[in-house]
Amino acid sequence: MAMLIPIRITLVFFVFLVFSACDEFAGEDMLLSAQADFSAKRYQASFNKSLKLARQNNAEAQFRLGLLYENGFGVSKNMHE
């Protein structure tokens, strides 16, 4: 019984790491997609994806939102956002 506790803790930790990594990869995929949309001048799609990631504290997405607002790409030009 005493041996099962460390195994369970290790298993829970492993599952946590796997799910954390899945979120990271999903965020990276969305960031790449937002970058592709930006390059293809699909600014509204880039904005929507970047906004979602920015709300999750993704610094690159926050920077991209700044570019979109600064230049008025897909949104109204707003130097305060």
PDB file of N, CA and C in Angstrom:
ATOM      1  N   MET A   1       0.821  -1.199   0.000  1.00  0.00           N
ATOM      2  CA  MET A   1       0.000   0.000   0.000  1.00  0.00           C
ATOM      3  C   MET A   1       0.863   1.261   0.000  1.00  0.00           C
ATOM      4  N   ALA A   2       1.914   1.270   0.793  1.00  0.00           N
ATOM      5  CA  ALA A   2       2.786   2.439   0.875  1.00  0.00           C
ATOM      6  C   ALA A   2       3.464   2.712  -0.457  1.00  0.00           C
ATOM      7  N   MET A   3       3.705   1.684  -1.238  1.00  0.00           N
ATOM      8  CA  MET A   3       4.365   1.840  -2.541  1.00  0.00           C
ATOM      9  C   MET A   3       3.412   2.456  -3.574  1.00  0.00           C
ATOM     10  N   LEU A   4       2.114   2.279  -3.401  1.00  0.00           N
ATOM     11  CA  LEU A   4       1.140   2.791  -4.365  1.00  0.00           C
ATOM     12  C   LEU A   4       1.017   4.313  -4.309  1.00  0.00           C
ATOM     13  N   ILE A   5       1.222   4.910  -3.164  1.00  0.00           N
ATOM     14  CA  ILE A   5       1.073   6.356  -3.025  1.00  0.00           C
ATOM     15  C   ILE A   5       2.076   7.102  -3.907  1.00  0.00           C
ATOM     16  N   PRO A   6       3.383   6.789  -3.877  1.00  0.00           N
ATOM     17  CA  PRO A   6       4.305   7.487  -4.779  1.00  0.00           C
ATOM     18  C   PRO A   6       3.990   7.241  -6.258  1.00  0.00           C
ATOM     19  N   ILE A   7       3.516   6.057  -6.571  1.00  0.00           N
ATOM     20  CA  ILE A   7       3.164   5.754  -7.969  1.00  0.00           C
ATOM     21  C   ILE A   7       1.975   6.605  -8.390  1.00  0.00           C
ATOM     22  N   ARG A   8       0.985   6.734  -7.537  1.00  0.00           N
ATOM     23  CA  ARG A   8      -0.190   7.559  -7.849  1.00  0.00           C
ATOM     24  C   ARG A   8       0.203   9.024  -8.005  1.00  0.00           C
ATOM     25  N   ILE A   9       1.047   9.510  -7.120  1.00  0.00           N
ATOM     26  CA  ILE A   9       1.492  10.901  -7.210  1.00  0.00           C
ATOM     27  C   ILE A   9       2.243  11.128  -8.509  1.00  0.00           C
ATOM     28  N   THR A  10       3.104  10.190  -8.865  1.00  0.00           N
ATOM     29  CA  THR A  10       3.856  10.295 -10.116  1.00  0.00           C
ATOM     30  C   THR A  10       2.914  10.271 -11.311  1.00  0.00           C
ATOM     31  N   LEU A  11       1.923   9.404 -11.277  1.00  0.00           N
ATOM     32  CA  LEU A  11       0.958   9.302 -12.375  1.00  0.00           C
ATOM     33  C   LEU A  11       0.147  10.594 -12.518  1.00  0.00           C
ATOM     34  N   VAL A  12      -0.310  11.140 -11.415  1.00  0.00           N
ATOM     35  CA  VAL A  12      -1.074  12.397 -11.449  1.00  0.00           C
ATOM     36  C   VAL A  12      -0.207  13.521 -12.008  1.00  0.00           C
ATOM     37  N   PHE A  13       1.032  13.586 -11.565  1.00  0.00           N
ATOM     38  CA  PHE A  13       1.956  14.608 -12.060  1.00  0.00           C
ATOM     39  C   PHE A  13       2.195  14.456 -13.555  1.00  0.00           C
ATOM     40  N   PHE A  14       2.378  13.230 -14.027  1.00  0.00           N
ATOM     41  CA  PHE A  14       2.594  12.960 -15.442  1.00  0.00           C
ATOM     42  C   PHE A  14       1.382  13.390 -16.267  1.00  0.00           C
ATOM     43  N   VAL A  15       0.199  13.042 -15.816  1.00  0.00           N
ATOM     44  CA  VAL A  15      -1.030  13.429 -16.530  1.00  0.00           C
ATOM     45  C   VAL A  15      -1.144  14.946 -16.591  1.00  0.00           C
ATOM     46  N   PHE A  16      -0.842  15.615 -15.497  1.00  0.00           N
ATOM     47  CA  PHE A  16      -0.868  17.075 -15.463  1.00  0.00           C
ATOM     48  C   PHE A  16       0.094  17.656 -16.502  1.00  0.00           C
ATOM     49  N   LEU A  17       1.313  17.115 -16.576  1.00  0.00           N
ATOM     50  CA  LEU A  17       2.296  17.603 -17.547  1.00  0.00           C
ATOM     51  C   LEU A  17       1.830  17.400 -18.978  1.00  0.00           C
ATOM     52  N   VAL A  18       1.245  16.251 -19.253  1.00  0.00           N
ATOM     53  CA  VAL A  18       0.767  15.963 -20.613  1.00  0.00           C
ATOM     54  C   VAL A  18      -0.320  16.956 -21.008  1.00  0.00           C
ATOM     55  N   PHE A  19      -1.286  17.183 -20.133  1.00  0.00           N
ATOM     56  CA  PHE A  19      -2.362  18.112 -20.465  1.00  0.00           C
ATOM     57  C   PHE A  19      -1.860  19.551 -20.546  1.00  0.00           C
ATOM     58  N   SER A  20      -0.897  19.909 -19.732  1.00  0.00           N
ATOM     59  CA  SER A  20      -0.310  21.249 -19.822  1.00  0.00           C
ATOM     60  C   SER A  20       0.388  21.431 -21.157  1.00  0.00           C
ATOM     61  N   ALA A  21       1.099  20.429 -21.594  1.00  0.00           N
ATOM     62  CA  ALA A  21       1.804  20.500 -22.875  1.00  0.00           C
ATOM     63  C   ALA A  21       0.815  20.592 -24.028  1.00  0.00           C
ATOM     64  N   CYS A  22      -0.310  19.905 -23.931  1.00  0.00           N
ATOM     65  CA  CYS A  22      -1.324  19.964 -24.991  1.00  0.00           C
ATOM     66  C   CYS A  22      -1.848  21.377 -25.154  1.00  0.00           C
ATOM     67  N   ASP A  23      -2.080  22.068 -24.049  1.00  0.00           N
ATOM     68  CA  ASP A  23      -2.529  23.457 -24.111  1.00  0.00           C
ATOM     69  C   ASP A  23      -1.479  24.340 -24.756  1.00  0.00           C
ATOM     70  N   GLU A  24      -0.221  24.111 -24.404  1.00  0.00           N
ATOM     71  CA  GLU A  24       0.872  24.901 -24.981  1.00  0.00           C
ATOM     72  C   GLU A  24       0.926  24.704 -26.493  1.00  0.00           C
ATOM     73  N   PHE A  25       0.840  23.447 -26.944  1.00  0.00           N
ATOM     74  CA  PHE A  25       0.915  23.176 -28.375  1.00  0.00           C
ATOM     75  C   PHE A  25      -0.293  23.729 -29.108  1.00  0.00           C
ATOM     76  N   ALA A  26      -1.456  23.638 -28.491  1.00  0.00           N
ATOM     77  CA  ALA A  26      -2.657  24.196 -29.122  1.00  0.00           C
ATOM     78  C   ALA A  26      -2.517  25.710 -29.258  1.00  0.00           C
ATOM     79  N   GLY A  27      -1.965  26.354 -28.239  1.00  0.00           N
ATOM     80  CA  GLY A  27      -1.743  27.789 -28.301  1.00  0.00           C
ATOM     81  C   GLY A  27      -0.733  28.157 -29.371  1.00  0.00           C
ATOM     82  N   GLU A  28       0.320  27.352 -29.492  1.00  0.00           N
ATOM     83  CA  GLU A  28       1.330  27.608 -30.519  1.00  0.00           C
ATOM     84  C   GLU A  28       0.734  27.444 -31.913  1.00  0.00           C
ATOM     85  N   ASP A  29      -0.110  26.429 -32.091  1.00  0.00           N
ATOM     86  CA  ASP A  29      -0.769  26.239 -33.390  1.00  0.00           C
ATOM     87  C   ASP A  29      -1.647  27.433 -33.727  1.00  0.00           C
ATOM     88  N   MET A  30      -2.389  27.918 -32.738  1.00  0.00           N
ATOM     89  CA  MET A  30      -3.264  29.061 -32.989  1.00  0.00           C
ATOM     90  C   MET A  30      -2.439  30.310 -33.279  1.00  0.00           C
ATOM     91  N   LEU A  31      -1.307  30.462 -32.592  1.00  0.00           N
ATOM     92  CA  LEU A  31      -0.441  31.607 -32.842  1.00  0.00           C
ATOM     93  C   LEU A  31       0.118  31.563 -34.263  1.00  0.00           C
ATOM     94  N   LEU A  32       0.556  30.390 -34.695  1.00  0.00           N
ATOM     95  CA  LEU A  32       1.049  30.245 -36.077  1.00  0.00           C
ATOM     96  C   LEU A  32      -0.056  30.539 -37.079  1.00  0.00           C
ATOM     97  N   SER A  33      -1.260  30.104 -36.766  1.00  0.00           N
ATOM     98  CA  SER A  33      -2.395  30.369 -37.647  1.00  0.00           C
ATOM     99  C   SER A  33      -2.700  31.867 -37.698  1.00  0.00           C
ATOM    100  N   ALA A  34      -2.618  32.537 -36.551  1.00  0.00           N
ATOM    101  CA  ALA A  34      -2.844  33.992 -36.505  1.00  0.00           C
ATOM    102  C   ALA A  34      -1.777  34.721 -37.313  1.00  0.00           C
ATOM    103  N   GLN A  35      -0.541  34.240 -37.229  1.00  0.00           N
ATOM    104  CA  GLN A  35       0.543  34.848 -37.997  1.00  0.00           C
ATOM    105  C   GLN A  35       0.327  34.650 -39.491  1.00  0.00           C
ATOM    106  N   ALA A  36      -0.128  33.453 -39.876  1.00  0.00           N
ATOM    107  CA  ALA A  36      -0.410  33.179 -41.289  1.00  0.00           C
ATOM    108  C   ALA A  36      -1.549  34.060 -41.790  1.00  0.00           C
ATOM    109  N   ASP A  37      -2.582  34.224 -40.963  1.00  0.00           N
ATOM    110  CA  ASP A  37      -3.699  35.099 -41.336  1.00  0.00           C
ATOM    111  C   ASP A  37      -3.218  36.536 -41.513  1.00  0.00           C
ATOM    112  N   PHE A  38      -2.364  36.988 -40.617  1.00  0.00           N
ATOM    113  CA  PHE A  38      -1.821  38.350 -40.710  1.00  0.00           C
ATOM    114  C   PHE A  38      -1.042  38.519 -42.008  1.00  0.00           C
ATOM    115  N   SER A  39      -0.191  37.562 -42.331  1.00  0.00           N
ATOM    116  CA  SER A  39       0.622  37.634 -43.554  1.00  0.00           C
ATOM    117  C   SER A  39      -0.244  37.616 -44.808  1.00  0.00           C
ATOM    118  N   ALA A  40      -1.364  36.892 -44.737  1.00  0.00           N
ATOM    119  CA  ALA A  40      -2.275  36.808 -45.881  1.00  0.00           C
ATOM    120  C   ALA A  40      -3.292  37.946 -45.895  1.00  0.00           C
ATOM    121  N   LYS A  41      -3.109  38.907 -44.997  1.00  0.00           N
ATOM    122  CA  LYS A  41      -3.984  40.081 -44.880  1.00  0.00           C
ATOM    123  C   LYS A  41      -5.418  39.716 -44.509  1.00  0.00           C
ATOM    124  N   ARG A  42      -5.569  38.594 -43.795  1.00  0.00           N
ATOM    125  CA  ARG A  42      -6.868  38.220 -43.214  1.00  0.00           C
ATOM    126  C   ARG A  42      -6.842  38.733 -41.772  1.00  0.00           C
ATOM    127  N   TYR A  43      -6.914  40.043 -41.657  1.00  0.00           N
ATOM    128  CA  TYR A  43      -6.681  40.698 -40.382  1.00  0.00           C
ATOM    129  C   TYR A  43      -7.743  40.375 -39.329  1.00  0.00           C
ATOM    130  N   GLN A  44      -8.988  40.250 -39.736  1.00  0.00           N
ATOM    131  CA  GLN A  44     -10.042  39.963 -38.758  1.00  0.00           C
ATOM    132  C   GLN A  44      -9.827  38.579 -38.140  1.00  0.00           C
ATOM    133  N   ALA A  45      -9.465  37.600 -38.956  1.00  0.00           N
ATOM    134  CA  ALA A  45      -9.189  36.250 -38.438  1.00  0.00           C
ATOM    135  C   ALA A  45      -7.973  36.287 -37.511  1.00  0.00           C
ATOM    136  N   SER A  46      -6.945  37.031 -37.912  1.00  0.00           N
ATOM    137  CA  SER A  46      -5.758  37.166 -37.080  1.00  0.00           C
ATOM    138  C   SER A  46      -6.107  37.835 -35.748  1.00  0.00           C
ATOM    139  N   PHE A  47      -6.950  38.855 -35.808  1.00  0.00           N
ATOM    140  CA  PHE A  47      -7.377  39.555 -34.601  1.00  0.00           C
ATOM    141  C   PHE A  47      -8.096  38.610 -33.638  1.00  0.00           C
ATOM    142  N   ASN A  48      -9.043  37.841 -34.154  1.00  0.00           N
ATOM    143  CA  ASN A  48      -9.832  36.948 -33.297  1.00  0.00           C
ATOM    144  C   ASN A  48      -8.940  35.926 -32.590  1.00  0.00           C
ATOM    145  N   LYS A  49      -8.016  35.328 -33.324  1.00  0.00           N
ATOM    146  CA  LYS A  49      -7.125  34.326 -32.734  1.00  0.00           C
ATOM    147  C   LYS A  49      -6.153  34.975 -31.758  1.00  0.00           C
ATOM    148  N   SER A  50      -5.621  36.124 -32.142  1.00  0.00           N
ATOM    149  CA  SER A  50      -4.670  36.817 -31.276  1.00  0.00           C
ATOM    150  C   SER A  50      -5.333  37.282 -29.987  1.00  0.00           C
ATOM    151  N   LEU A  51      -6.556  37.745 -30.080  1.00  0.00           N
ATOM    152  CA  LEU A  51      -7.279  38.200 -28.894  1.00  0.00           C
ATOM    153  C   LEU A  51      -7.480  37.054 -27.912  1.00  0.00           C
ATOM    154  N   LYS A  52      -7.870  35.900 -28.431  1.00  0.00           N
ATOM    155  CA  LYS A  52      -8.073  34.740 -27.560  1.00  0.00           C
ATOM    156  C   LYS A  52      -6.777  34.378 -26.835  1.00  0.00           C
ATOM    157  N   LEU A  53      -5.672  34.371 -27.566  1.00  0.00           N
ATOM    158  CA  LEU A  53      -4.388  34.037 -26.957  1.00  0.00           C
ATOM    159  C   LEU A  53      -3.898  35.133 -26.017  1.00  0.00           C
ATOM    160  N   ALA A  54      -4.146  36.383 -26.383  1.00  0.00           N
ATOM    161  CA  ALA A  54      -3.718  37.504 -25.548  1.00  0.00           C
ATOM    162  C   ALA A  54      -4.410  37.464 -24.191  1.00  0.00           C
ATOM    163  N   ARG A  55      -5.644  37.043 -24.184  1.00  0.00           N
ATOM    164  CA  ARG A  55      -6.382  36.920 -22.917  1.00  0.00           C
ATOM    165  C   ARG A  55      -5.809  35.811 -22.040  1.00  0.00           C
ATOM    166  N   GLN A  56      -5.020  34.930 -22.652  1.00  0.00           N
ATOM    167  CA  GLN A  56      -4.338  33.865 -21.902  1.00  0.00           C
ATOM    168  C   GLN A  56      -2.893  34.269 -21.594  1.00  0.00           C
ATOM    169  N   ASN A  57      -2.627  35.571 -21.696  1.00  0.00           N
ATOM    170  CA  ASN A  57      -1.316  36.160 -21.382  1.00  0.00           C
ATOM    171  C   ASN A  57      -0.200  35.731 -22.331  1.00  0.00           C
ATOM    172  N   ASN A  58      -0.531  35.493 -23.595  1.00  0.00           N
ATOM    173  CA  ASN A  58       0.485  35.174 -24.588  1.00  0.00           C
ATOM    174  C   ASN A  58       1.066  36.494 -25.100  1.00  0.00           C
ATOM    175  N   ALA A  59       2.345  36.715 -24.814  1.00  0.00           N
ATOM    176  CA  ALA A  59       2.988  37.995 -25.135  1.00  0.00           C
ATOM    177  C   ALA A  59       3.050  38.245 -26.640  1.00  0.00           C
ATOM    178  N   GLU A  60       3.320  37.220 -27.427  1.00  0.00           N
ATOM    179  CA  GLU A  60       3.384  37.413 -28.885  1.00  0.00           C
ATOM    180  C   GLU A  60       2.032  37.823 -29.441  1.00  0.00           C
ATOM    181  N   ALA A  61       0.976  37.219 -28.927  1.00  0.00           N
ATOM    182  CA  ALA A  61      -0.371  37.578 -29.376  1.00  0.00           C
ATOM    183  C   ALA A  61      -0.714  39.000 -28.942  1.00  0.00           C
ATOM    184  N   GLN A  62      -0.286  39.396 -27.757  1.00  0.00           N
ATOM    185  CA  GLN A  62      -0.528  40.762 -27.294  1.00  0.00           C
ATOM    186  C   GLN A  62       0.197  41.763 -28.193  1.00  0.00           C
ATOM    187  N   PHE A  63       1.407  41.423 -28.596  1.00  0.00           N
ATOM    188  CA  PHE A  63       2.160  42.284 -29.513  1.00  0.00           C
ATOM    189  C   PHE A  63       1.442  42.398 -30.859  1.00  0.00           C
ATOM    190  N   ARG A  64       0.958  41.252 -31.377  1.00  0.00           N
ATOM    191  CA  ARG A  64       0.253  41.252 -32.653  1.00  0.00           C
ATOM    192  C   ARG A  64      -1.003  42.109 -32.571  1.00  0.00           C
ATOM    193  N   LEU A  65      -1.714  42.037 -31.445  1.00  0.00           N
ATOM    194  CA  LEU A  65      -2.894  42.893 -31.270  1.00  0.00           C
ATOM    195  C   LEU A  65      -2.507  44.357 -31.327  1.00  0.00           C
ATOM    196  N   GLY A  66      -1.377  44.682 -30.719  1.00  0.00           N
ATOM    197  CA  GLY A  66      -0.891  46.068 -30.766  1.00  0.00           C
ATOM    198  C   GLY A  66      -0.652  46.526 -32.187  1.00  0.00           C
ATOM    199  N   LEU A  67      -0.060  45.657 -32.998  1.00  0.00           N
ATOM    200  CA  LEU A  67       0.163  45.996 -34.417  1.00  0.00           C
ATOM    201  C   LEU A  67      -1.151  46.215 -35.149  1.00  0.00           C
ATOM    202  N   LEU A  68      -2.108  45.346 -34.879  1.00  0.00           N
ATOM    203  CA  LEU A  68      -3.412  45.463 -35.543  1.00  0.00           C
ATOM    204  C   LEU A  68      -4.096  46.774 -35.166  1.00  0.00           C
ATOM    205  N   TYR A  69      -4.089  47.093 -33.872  1.00  0.00           N
ATOM    206  CA  TYR A  69      -4.719  48.341 -33.429  1.00  0.00           C
ATOM    207  C   TYR A  69      -3.948  49.567 -33.925  1.00  0.00           C
ATOM    208  N   GLU A  70      -2.639  49.510 -33.866  1.00  0.00           N
ATOM    209  CA  GLU A  70      -1.824  50.657 -34.268  1.00  0.00           C
ATOM    210  C   GLU A  70      -2.041  51.023 -35.737  1.00  0.00           C
ATOM    211  N   ASN A  71      -2.191  49.995 -36.572  1.00  0.00           N
ATOM    212  CA  ASN A  71      -2.332  50.229 -38.010  1.00  0.00           C
ATOM    213  C   ASN A  71      -3.770  50.181 -38.511  1.00  0.00           C
ATOM    214  N   GLY A  72      -4.710  49.819 -37.626  1.00  0.00           N
ATOM    215  CA  GLY A  72      -6.111  49.738 -38.045  1.00  0.00           C
ATOM    216  C   GLY A  72      -6.386  48.566 -38.960  1.00  0.00           C
ATOM    217  N   PHE A  73      -5.624  47.487 -38.798  1.00  0.00           N
ATOM    218  CA  PHE A  73      -5.823  46.286 -39.625  1.00  0.00           C
ATOM    219  C   PHE A  73      -6.903  45.413 -38.989  1.00  0.00           C
ATOM    220  N   GLY A  74      -8.071  45.337 -39.621  1.00  0.00           N
ATOM    221  CA  GLY A  74      -9.147  44.487 -39.134  1.00  0.00           C
ATOM    222  C   GLY A  74      -9.915  45.061 -37.962  1.00  0.00           C
ATOM    223  N   VAL A  75      -9.464  46.194 -37.448  1.00  0.00           N
ATOM    224  CA  VAL A  75     -10.118  46.865 -36.310  1.00  0.00           C
ATOM    225  C   VAL A  75      -9.996  48.367 -36.536  1.00  0.00           C
ATOM    226  N   SER A  76     -10.750  49.121 -35.773  1.00  0.00           N
ATOM    227  CA  SER A  76     -10.599  50.563 -35.844  1.00  0.00           C
ATOM    228  C   SER A  76      -9.248  50.943 -35.259  1.00  0.00           C
ATOM    229  N   LYS A  77      -8.571  51.855 -35.894  1.00  0.00           N
ATOM    230  CA  LYS A  77      -7.261  52.310 -35.414  1.00  0.00           C
ATOM    231  C   LYS A  77      -7.444  52.913 -34.035  1.00  0.00           C
ATOM    232  N   ASN A  78      -6.660  52.397 -33.066  1.00  0.00           N
ATOM    233  CA  ASN A  78      -6.810  52.839 -31.694  1.00  0.00           C
ATOM    234  C   ASN A  78      -5.450  52.759 -30.999  1.00  0.00           C
ATOM    235  N   MET A  79      -4.848  53.882 -30.772  1.00  0.00           N
ATOM    236  CA  MET A  79      -3.517  53.909 -30.151  1.00  0.00           C
ATOM    237  C   MET A  79      -3.581  53.636 -28.648  1.00  0.00           C
ATOM    238  N   HIS A  80      -4.779  53.636 -28.062  1.00  0.00           N
ATOM    239  CA  HIS A  80      -4.918  53.427 -26.620  1.00  0.00           C
ATOM    240  C   HIS A  80      -5.114  51.966 -26.254  1.00  0.00           C
ATOM    241  N   GLU A  81      -5.564  51.147 -27.192  1.00  0.00           N
ATOM    242  CA  GLU A  81      -5.755  49.723 -26.924  1.00  0.00           C
ATOM    243  C   GLU A  81      -4.403  49.097 -26.884  1.00  0.00           C
TER     244      GLU A  81
END
